[in-house]
Amino acid sequence: MHDLFDLLGIKGPVVAAGLAGGVLRALSRHRYKLREMVASPICGALAAAYLTLPVVSYARITGLPMPDLADDTTTLAAAFLIGVCAMWISDVLFEFVVRRFKPAPEE
């Protein structure tokens, strides 16, 4: 699995942090839906895998205060937060698609 992540340019710990963020998001809901329990960790892991490094780089370039500690700590914290937020973004997109393509009720 590690070789596949390396081939895709993905760091395994970043995926794990995003997955953990997705799990936290799924467990923190008041209403448990099967779709959210399955999709949230997957969505969090994918979003963290592909968005974490650009977000951390952008934060450094714009001059946001970043800790001078280990870069891995900052990257994993960003991956966790992206994993938590990814399902909220996914929910908004799903709602838009459902409202857009839902057939009008017949009267």
Protein backbone atom coordinates (compact mmCIF):
# COMPACT_ATOMS: atom_id res chain seq x y z
CA MET A 1 0.00 0.00 0.00
CA HIS A 2 2.87 2.34 0.82
CA ASP A 3 4.33 1.84 -2.67
CA LEU A 4 1.00 2.74 -4.26
CA PHE A 5 0.81 5.96 -2.22
CA ASP A 6 4.36 6.83 -3.22
CA LEU A 7 3.51 6.21 -6.86
CA LEU A 8 0.57 8.60 -6.58
CA GLY A 9 2.62 11.17 -4.66
CA ILE A 10 0.59 10.79 -1.48
CA LYS A 11 1.95 10.60 2.06
CA GLY A 12 0.43 7.76 4.10
CA PRO A 13 0.28 9.69 7.40
CA VAL A 14 -1.59 12.52 5.65
CA VAL A 15 -4.21 10.05 4.41
CA ALA A 16 -4.52 8.60 7.91
CA ALA A 17 -4.99 12.07 9.42
CA GLY A 18 -7.66 12.90 6.85
CA LEU A 19 -9.35 9.58 7.50
CA ALA A 20 -9.36 10.33 11.23
CA GLY A 21 -10.87 13.75 10.54
CA GLY A 22 -13.59 12.13 8.45
CA VAL A 23 -14.33 9.62 11.21
CA LEU A 24 -14.57 12.42 13.77
CA ARG A 25 -16.95 14.30 11.49
CA ALA A 26 -19.10 11.19 10.97
CA LEU A 27 -19.29 10.46 14.71
CA SER A 28 -20.07 14.05 15.70
CA ARG A 29 -23.36 14.17 13.80
CA HIS A 30 -26.64 14.06 15.70
CA ARG A 31 -28.31 11.98 13.01
CA TYR A 32 -26.32 8.98 11.88
CA LYS A 33 -26.78 8.11 8.22
CA LEU A 34 -25.13 5.11 6.62
CA ARG A 35 -24.01 7.25 3.68
CA GLU A 36 -22.21 9.65 5.99
CA MET A 37 -20.64 6.92 8.11
CA VAL A 38 -19.09 5.38 4.99
CA ALA A 39 -18.49 8.42 2.79
CA SER A 40 -17.12 10.80 5.40
CA PRO A 41 -13.87 8.94 6.17
CA ILE A 42 -13.27 8.21 2.47
CA CYS A 43 -13.97 11.81 1.52
CA GLY A 44 -11.75 13.08 4.33
CA ALA A 45 -8.87 10.82 3.32
CA LEU A 46 -9.07 11.76 -0.36
CA ALA A 47 -9.36 15.46 0.32
CA ALA A 48 -6.46 15.38 2.76
CA ALA A 49 -4.32 13.39 0.35
CA TYR A 50 -4.65 15.92 -2.44
CA LEU A 51 -5.31 19.24 -0.68
CA THR A 52 -3.03 19.23 2.36
CA LEU A 53 0.30 20.09 0.76
CA PRO A 54 -1.15 22.90 -1.42
CA VAL A 55 -2.99 24.36 1.59
CA VAL A 56 0.11 24.29 3.81
CA SER A 57 2.24 25.81 1.02
CA TYR A 58 -0.34 28.52 0.41
CA ALA A 59 -0.48 29.32 4.14
CA ARG A 60 3.31 29.70 4.24
CA ILE A 61 3.41 31.87 1.10
CA THR A 62 0.70 34.23 2.37
CA GLY A 63 2.57 34.72 5.62
CA LEU A 64 0.08 33.14 7.99
CA PRO A 65 1.70 32.45 11.34
CA MET A 66 2.95 28.88 11.25
CA PRO A 67 4.78 27.08 14.05
CA ASP A 68 8.51 26.63 13.58
CA LEU A 69 8.30 23.12 15.00
CA ALA A 70 8.45 20.08 12.80
CA ASP A 71 6.81 20.48 9.40
CA ASP A 72 5.18 17.08 9.80
CA THR A 73 3.14 18.30 12.77
CA THR A 74 1.76 21.24 10.82
CA THR A 75 1.05 19.10 7.77
CA LEU A 76 -0.77 16.42 9.78
CA ALA A 77 -2.82 19.02 11.66
CA ALA A 78 -3.84 20.59 8.34
CA ALA A 79 -4.69 17.12 6.96
CA PHE A 80 -6.92 16.41 9.96
CA LEU A 81 -8.77 19.72 9.58
CA ILE A 82 -9.19 19.19 5.84
CA GLY A 83 -10.54 15.70 6.57
CA VAL A 84 -13.12 17.15 8.95
CA CYS A 85 -14.18 19.92 6.54
CA ALA A 86 -14.26 17.73 3.42
CA MET A 87 -17.56 16.08 4.25
CA TRP A 88 -19.22 19.44 4.94
CA ILE A 89 -18.19 20.53 1.46
CA SER A 90 -19.44 17.21 0.12
CA ASP A 91 -22.80 17.71 1.89
CA VAL A 92 -23.22 21.12 0.29
CA LEU A 93 -22.46 19.70 -3.15
CA PHE A 94 -24.84 16.74 -2.66
CA GLU A 95 -27.65 19.08 -1.57
CA PHE A 96 -27.06 21.28 -4.61
CA VAL A 97 -27.17 18.31 -6.98
CA VAL A 98 -30.30 16.89 -5.36
CA ARG A 99 -32.14 20.22 -5.50
CA ARG A 100 -30.98 20.91 -9.03
CA PHE A 101 -31.97 17.57 -10.55
CA LYS A 102 -34.90 16.59 -8.35
CA PRO A 103 -38.09 16.36 -10.41
CA ALA A 104 -40.71 18.97 -9.63
CA PRO A 105 -43.63 17.67 -7.54
CA GLU A 106 -46.78 17.13 -9.56
CA GLU A 107 -49.95 18.71 -8.29
